[in-house]
């Protein structure tokens, strides 16, 4: 995973570790799971969930990462996009 501050937002990009440096496609949809964006820091579930609580925007790839976000109520299953056989989801937290 990787936490980045971008234009006043806290962006969490995270992918299941087995997906790093892989590319997936489905029709016109394509995704490259690059360590430059998704990070090279491997964390446990507790740290990942804590980071989800800090971010205002998240970009997630992989069954495990997204399942944790679903369990936390941050992602609805119907909003998960499948690219090939890999799930991808994003969320934005609205703050005042």
Protein backbone atom coordinates (compact mmCIF):
# COMPACT_ATOMS: atom_id res chain seq x y z
CA UNK A 1 0.00 0.00 0.00
CA UNK A 2 0.93 3.64 -0.31
CA UNK A 3 -0.48 6.74 1.40
CA UNK A 4 -0.01 10.02 -0.48
CA UNK A 5 -1.15 13.58 0.15
CA UNK A 6 -2.55 15.03 -3.10
CA UNK A 7 -4.26 18.43 -3.39
CA UNK A 8 -5.55 18.39 0.18
CA UNK A 9 -6.66 14.76 -0.01
CA UNK A 10 -5.15 11.66 1.56
CA UNK A 11 -4.97 8.98 -1.14
CA UNK A 12 -4.58 5.34 -0.21
CA UNK A 13 -3.59 3.09 -3.08
CA UNK A 14 -3.51 -0.57 -2.13
CA UNK A 15 -3.35 -3.89 -3.90
CA UNK A 16 -3.04 -7.48 -2.84
CA UNK A 17 0.69 -8.20 -2.85
CA UNK A 18 0.43 -11.01 -5.42
CA UNK A 19 -0.94 -8.52 -7.98
CA UNK A 20 1.98 -6.06 -7.94
CA UNK A 21 3.68 -5.70 -11.36
CA UNK A 22 0.83 -7.45 -13.15
CA UNK A 23 -1.53 -6.18 -15.83
CA UNK A 24 -5.19 -7.09 -16.28
CA UNK A 25 -7.76 -6.30 -18.94
CA UNK A 26 -11.37 -6.89 -19.82
CA UNK A 27 -12.59 -5.38 -23.06
CA UNK A 28 -11.64 -1.70 -23.02
CA UNK A 29 -10.75 -1.79 -19.32
CA UNK A 30 -7.09 -2.22 -18.41
CA UNK A 31 -5.16 -1.85 -15.20
CA UNK A 32 -1.45 -2.07 -14.43
CA UNK A 33 -0.76 -2.68 -10.77
CA UNK A 34 2.48 -0.74 -10.57
CA UNK A 35 4.45 -0.43 -7.32
CA UNK A 36 5.05 3.25 -8.09
CA UNK A 37 1.33 3.89 -7.55
CA UNK A 38 0.17 1.05 -5.29
CA UNK A 39 3.32 1.03 -3.17
CA UNK A 40 5.83 -1.54 -2.15
CA UNK A 41 5.04 -1.54 1.55
CA UNK A 42 3.39 -4.75 2.69
CA UNK A 43 1.20 -4.30 5.77
CA UNK A 44 -1.02 -6.46 7.95
CA UNK A 45 -4.80 -6.15 7.98
CA UNK A 46 -4.84 -3.96 11.12
CA UNK A 47 -2.50 -1.38 9.56
CA UNK A 48 -4.42 -1.48 6.28
CA UNK A 49 -7.74 -0.88 8.05
CA UNK A 50 -6.23 1.94 10.08
CA UNK A 51 -4.97 3.54 6.85
CA UNK A 52 -8.43 3.22 5.32
CA UNK A 53 -9.72 5.21 8.28
CA UNK A 54 -7.24 8.01 7.55
CA UNK A 55 -7.72 8.37 3.81
CA UNK A 56 -10.22 10.52 1.96
CA UNK A 57 -9.78 8.66 -1.34
CA UNK A 58 -8.92 5.01 -1.86
CA UNK A 59 -8.02 3.04 -4.96
CA UNK A 60 -8.06 -0.68 -4.22
CA UNK A 61 -7.23 -3.78 -6.27
CA UNK A 62 -7.54 -7.40 -5.21
CA UNK A 63 -9.94 -9.69 -3.45
CA UNK A 64 -8.43 -9.45 0.02
CA UNK A 65 -8.02 -5.66 0.13
CA UNK A 66 -11.50 -5.03 -1.22
CA UNK A 67 -13.12 -7.62 1.04
CA UNK A 68 -11.69 -5.81 4.07
CA UNK A 69 -13.10 -2.50 2.77
CA UNK A 70 -16.50 -4.15 2.20
CA UNK A 71 -16.51 -5.53 5.76
CA UNK A 72 -15.77 -2.01 7.04
CA UNK A 73 -18.77 -0.66 5.09
CA UNK A 74 -16.63 1.52 2.81
CA UNK A 75 -17.33 -0.34 -0.45
CA UNK A 76 -20.67 -1.77 -1.61
CA UNK A 77 -20.34 -5.07 -3.44
CA UNK A 78 -22.41 -3.77 -6.38
CA UNK A 79 -19.79 -1.04 -6.93
CA UNK A 80 -16.88 -3.44 -7.41
CA UNK A 81 -15.61 -3.47 -10.98
CA UNK A 82 -14.11 -6.69 -12.31
CA UNK A 83 -11.17 -6.25 -14.67
CA UNK A 84 -10.51 -9.72 -15.93
CA UNK A 85 -10.87 -11.79 -12.78
CA UNK A 86 -9.45 -9.08 -10.50
CA UNK A 87 -11.74 -6.78 -8.48
CA UNK A 88 -11.12 -3.02 -8.48
CA UNK A 89 -12.89 -0.42 -6.36
CA UNK A 90 -12.56 3.20 -5.37
CA UNK A 91 -14.15 5.38 -2.76
CA UNK A 92 -14.14 8.99 -1.70
CA UNK A 93 -15.00 10.14 1.80
CA UNK A 94 -16.93 13.40 1.86
CA UNK A 95 -15.88 15.76 4.63
CA UNK A 96 -17.05 19.21 5.65
